[in-house]
Amino acid sequence: MNNEKISFNYICEGIAFSFFKDQPFFFDKKEMNAKKILLIKKPKLIVVGTSENKSSFSFNLLKEAKKSKIPSIGIVDMLCNFQ
C-alpha cells in the first residue's frame, strides 16, 4: 500500500452548510457551477449523499462527473421514505 495523502472537500447545502462552513475541508461553491468546480478541484472521485430534492446541486455535480469520466458514489445519508 502506498502512502498517498487523501484530500477531500465538502460542498454543502441546507443545514449541512451551517454545520460545516467553518471547517478547513469546507469548499464554498458560491456561484460556481459544477463544471467549474471540477476544473478547479480536479477530483479523482465524487461522493454525494442521496437527496429527495430534485434541484440539489449534487445532481449537477454527478452529471458533470459522468461527462468527465470521474467515478462517483452515492451514500444513503438518511433513512426516510424507504418503502
C-alpha atoms as a PDB file:
ATOM      1  CA  MET A   1       0.000   0.000   0.000  1.00  0.00           C
ATOM      2  CA  ASN A   2       1.371   3.417  -0.881  1.00  0.00           C
ATOM      3  CA  ASN A   3       1.314   6.423   1.411  1.00  0.00           C
ATOM      4  CA  GLU A   4      -0.598   8.865  -0.794  1.00  0.00           C
ATOM      5  CA  LYS A   5      -2.308  11.633   1.076  1.00  0.00           C
ATOM      6  CA  ILE A   6      -6.058  11.636   0.603  1.00  0.00           C
ATOM      7  CA  SER A   7      -7.520  15.116   0.442  1.00  0.00           C
ATOM      8  CA  PHE A   8     -11.199  15.977   0.393  1.00  0.00           C
ATOM      9  CA  ASN A   9     -13.629  18.875   0.386  1.00  0.00           C
ATOM     10  CA  TYR A  10     -17.242  19.247   1.439  1.00  0.00           C
ATOM     11  CA  ILE A  11     -19.667  21.183  -0.719  1.00  0.00           C
ATOM     12  CA  CYS A  12     -22.822  21.609   1.341  1.00  0.00           C
ATOM     13  CA  GLU A  13     -26.317  22.993   1.125  1.00  0.00           C
ATOM     14  CA  GLY A  14     -29.114  23.471   3.618  1.00  0.00           C
ATOM     15  CA  ILE A  15     -28.481  22.578   7.252  1.00  0.00           C
ATOM     16  CA  ALA A  16     -25.133  20.974   6.394  1.00  0.00           C
ATOM     17  CA  PHE A  17     -23.854  24.332   5.085  1.00  0.00           C
ATOM     18  CA  SER A  18     -24.293  25.957   8.510  1.00  0.00           C
ATOM     19  CA  PHE A  19     -22.735  22.978  10.252  1.00  0.00           C
ATOM     20  CA  PHE A  20     -19.607  22.624   8.073  1.00  0.00           C
ATOM     21  CA  LYS A  21     -18.922  26.186   6.815  1.00  0.00           C
ATOM     22  CA  ASP A  22     -16.173  26.869   9.368  1.00  0.00           C
ATOM     23  CA  GLN A  23     -14.328  23.578   8.854  1.00  0.00           C
ATOM     24  CA  PRO A  24     -10.971  23.567   7.000  1.00  0.00           C
ATOM     25  CA  PHE A  25     -12.202  20.992   4.470  1.00  0.00           C
ATOM     26  CA  PHE A  26     -15.269  23.056   3.508  1.00  0.00           C
ATOM     27  CA  PHE A  27     -15.366  24.400  -0.061  1.00  0.00           C
ATOM     28  CA  ASP A  28     -17.795  27.286  -0.636  1.00  0.00           C
ATOM     29  CA  LYS A  29     -19.103  26.902  -4.171  1.00  0.00           C
ATOM     30  CA  LYS A  30     -20.509  30.455  -4.095  1.00  0.00           C
ATOM     31  CA  GLU A  31     -21.983  30.988  -7.560  1.00  0.00           C
ATOM     32  CA  MET A  32     -19.811  28.376  -9.288  1.00  0.00           C
ATOM     33  CA  ASN A  33     -21.344  25.679 -11.423  1.00  0.00           C
ATOM     34  CA  ALA A  34     -20.430  22.004 -11.191  1.00  0.00           C
ATOM     35  CA  LYS A  35     -18.202  22.047 -14.292  1.00  0.00           C
ATOM     36  CA  LYS A  36     -16.074  24.899 -12.929  1.00  0.00           C
ATOM     37  CA  ILE A  37     -15.688  23.197  -9.560  1.00  0.00           C
ATOM     38  CA  LEU A  38     -14.444  20.010 -11.242  1.00  0.00           C
ATOM     39  CA  LEU A  39     -11.943  22.036 -13.270  1.00  0.00           C
ATOM     40  CA  ILE A  40     -10.650  23.797 -10.137  1.00  0.00           C
ATOM     41  CA  LYS A  41     -10.561  20.855  -7.709  1.00  0.00           C
ATOM     42  CA  LYS A  42      -9.683  18.060 -10.218  1.00  0.00           C
ATOM     43  CA  PRO A  43     -11.213  15.265  -8.106  1.00  0.00           C
ATOM     44  CA  LYS A  44     -10.484  11.595  -8.716  1.00  0.00           C
ATOM     45  CA  LEU A  45     -13.769  10.560  -7.090  1.00  0.00           C
ATOM     46  CA  ILE A  46     -17.089  12.235  -6.267  1.00  0.00           C
ATOM     47  CA  VAL A  47     -19.048  11.070  -3.205  1.00  0.00           C
ATOM     48  CA  VAL A  48     -22.525  12.506  -2.658  1.00  0.00           C
ATOM     49  CA  GLY A  49     -25.305  11.957  -0.194  1.00  0.00           C
ATOM     50  CA  THR A  50     -28.658  10.898  -1.554  1.00  0.00           C
ATOM     51  CA  SER A  51     -31.305  13.584  -1.890  1.00  0.00           C
ATOM     52  CA  GLU A  52     -35.022  13.802  -2.479  1.00  0.00           C
ATOM     53  CA  ASN A  53     -34.578  17.421  -3.527  1.00  0.00           C
ATOM     54  CA  LYS A  54     -34.663  17.329  -7.342  1.00  0.00           C
ATOM     55  CA  SER A  55     -32.857  20.682  -7.510  1.00  0.00           C
ATOM     56  CA  SER A  56     -29.981  19.539  -5.277  1.00  0.00           C
ATOM     57  CA  PHE A  57     -26.554  20.649  -6.517  1.00  0.00           C
ATOM     58  CA  SER A  58     -25.327  17.072  -6.163  1.00  0.00           C
ATOM     59  CA  PHE A  59     -27.259  16.072  -9.300  1.00  0.00           C
ATOM     60  CA  ASN A  60     -25.424  18.724 -11.345  1.00  0.00           C
ATOM     61  CA  LEU A  61     -22.145  17.550  -9.872  1.00  0.00           C
ATOM     62  CA  LEU A  62     -22.896  13.924 -10.765  1.00  0.00           C
ATOM     63  CA  LYS A  63     -23.893  14.852 -14.314  1.00  0.00           C
ATOM     64  CA  GLU A  64     -20.631  16.743 -14.877  1.00  0.00           C
ATOM     65  CA  ALA A  65     -18.610  13.974 -13.245  1.00  0.00           C
ATOM     66  CA  LYS A  66     -20.130  11.454 -15.648  1.00  0.00           C
ATOM     67  CA  LYS A  67     -19.282  13.680 -18.647  1.00  0.00           C
ATOM     68  CA  SER A  68     -15.719  13.971 -17.328  1.00  0.00           C
ATOM     69  CA  LYS A  69     -15.486  10.226 -16.626  1.00  0.00           C
ATOM     70  CA  ILE A  70     -14.931  10.828 -12.911  1.00  0.00           C
ATOM     71  CA  PRO A  71     -16.272   7.919 -10.830  1.00  0.00           C
ATOM     72  CA  SER A  72     -18.988   8.715  -8.325  1.00  0.00           C
ATOM     73  CA  ILE A  73     -20.559   7.086  -5.286  1.00  0.00           C
ATOM     74  CA  GLY A  74     -23.935   7.856  -3.724  1.00  0.00           C
ATOM     75  CA  ILE A  75     -24.180   7.316   0.021  1.00  0.00           C
ATOM     76  CA  VAL A  76     -27.540   6.860   1.725  1.00  0.00           C
ATOM     77  CA  ASP A  77     -27.245   9.577   4.341  1.00  0.00           C
ATOM     78  CA  MET A  78     -30.685   9.375   5.902  1.00  0.00           C
ATOM     79  CA  LEU A  79     -33.319   6.696   6.203  1.00  0.00           C
ATOM     80  CA  CYS A  80     -36.598   8.143   5.042  1.00  0.00           C
ATOM     81  CA  ASN A  81     -39.265   7.116   2.529  1.00  0.00           C
ATOM     82  CA  PHE A  82     -37.533   3.778   2.005  1.00  0.00           C
ATOM     83  CA  GLN A  83     -40.727   1.881   1.197  1.00  0.00           C
END
